[in-house]
Amino acid sequence: MPQKRYGVDQIIPMFRRVDVELGKGKKTPEVCRLLGISNKTYYRWRQKYGGMAPGMTKELKALQE
């Protein structure tokens, strides 16, 4: 099974969905399964992109280049 690669533009909206699902009372492993990612991936992304707003992704790309 090939690995999926998500871009920053796809990761940031996932956090919004995670917040909604956690607010409904679901646990983190359930939400990760729903999104099709592992717990480890979620926490790694949360550490790296957790405080970002959707508009900040353009700034991140510019800084990386």
Protein backbone atom coordinates (compact mmCIF):
# COMPACT_ATOMS: atom_id res chain seq x y z
CA MET A 1 0.00 0.00 0.00
CA PRO A 2 1.61 3.29 -1.05
CA GLN A 3 2.14 6.05 1.45
CA LYS A 4 -0.08 9.10 1.28
CA ARG A 5 1.60 12.47 1.24
CA TYR A 6 -0.32 15.39 2.61
CA GLY A 7 0.58 18.99 1.96
CA VAL A 8 0.34 21.77 4.52
CA ASP A 9 -2.80 23.00 2.76
CA GLN A 10 -4.44 19.64 3.53
CA ILE A 11 -3.10 19.25 7.07
CA ILE A 12 -4.36 22.54 8.52
CA PRO A 13 -8.06 21.85 7.69
CA MET A 14 -7.67 18.38 9.23
CA PHE A 15 -6.93 20.04 12.57
CA ARG A 16 -10.21 21.91 12.35
CA ARG A 17 -12.04 18.63 11.79
CA VAL A 18 -10.14 17.01 14.67
CA ASP A 19 -11.18 19.84 17.00
CA VAL A 20 -14.83 19.41 15.98
CA GLU A 21 -14.76 15.66 16.50
CA LEU A 22 -12.98 15.95 19.85
CA GLY A 23 -15.61 18.48 20.90
CA LYS A 24 -18.27 15.87 20.17
CA GLY A 25 -16.62 13.59 22.73
CA LYS A 26 -14.61 11.27 20.50
CA LYS A 27 -11.15 10.16 21.53
CA THR A 28 -8.00 10.99 19.57
CA PRO A 29 -7.42 7.43 18.25
CA GLU A 30 -10.99 7.32 16.90
CA VAL A 31 -10.53 10.64 15.11
CA CYS A 32 -7.18 9.55 13.66
CA ARG A 33 -8.80 6.40 12.29
CA LEU A 34 -11.56 8.53 10.79
CA LEU A 35 -8.97 10.69 8.99
CA GLY A 36 -6.86 7.73 7.94
CA ILE A 37 -3.69 8.74 9.79
CA SER A 38 -1.80 7.21 12.68
CA ASN A 39 -1.67 8.66 16.18
CA LYS A 40 2.04 9.28 15.78
CA THR A 41 1.46 11.26 12.58
CA TYR A 42 -1.26 13.33 14.26
CA TYR A 43 0.95 14.28 17.20
CA ARG A 44 3.92 15.03 14.92
CA TRP A 45 1.75 17.30 12.77
CA ARG A 46 0.23 18.89 15.87
CA GLN A 47 3.70 19.76 17.12
CA LYS A 48 4.78 21.22 13.79
CA TYR A 49 1.59 22.87 12.47
CA GLY A 50 -0.65 23.09 15.54
CA GLY A 51 -0.84 26.85 16.01
CA MET A 52 -1.11 27.76 12.34
CA ALA A 53 -3.98 29.52 10.72
CA PRO A 54 -4.86 28.64 7.11
CA GLY A 55 -3.32 31.89 5.84
CA MET A 56 0.03 31.16 7.42
CA THR A 57 0.75 28.29 5.04
CA LYS A 58 1.81 30.73 2.31
CA GLU A 59 4.34 32.30 4.68
CA LEU A 60 5.69 28.87 5.61
CA LYS A 61 6.17 27.92 1.96
CA ALA A 62 7.96 31.22 1.27
CA LEU A 63 10.29 30.70 4.21
CA GLN A 64 11.08 27.13 3.16
CA GLU A 65 12.01 28.27 -0.35
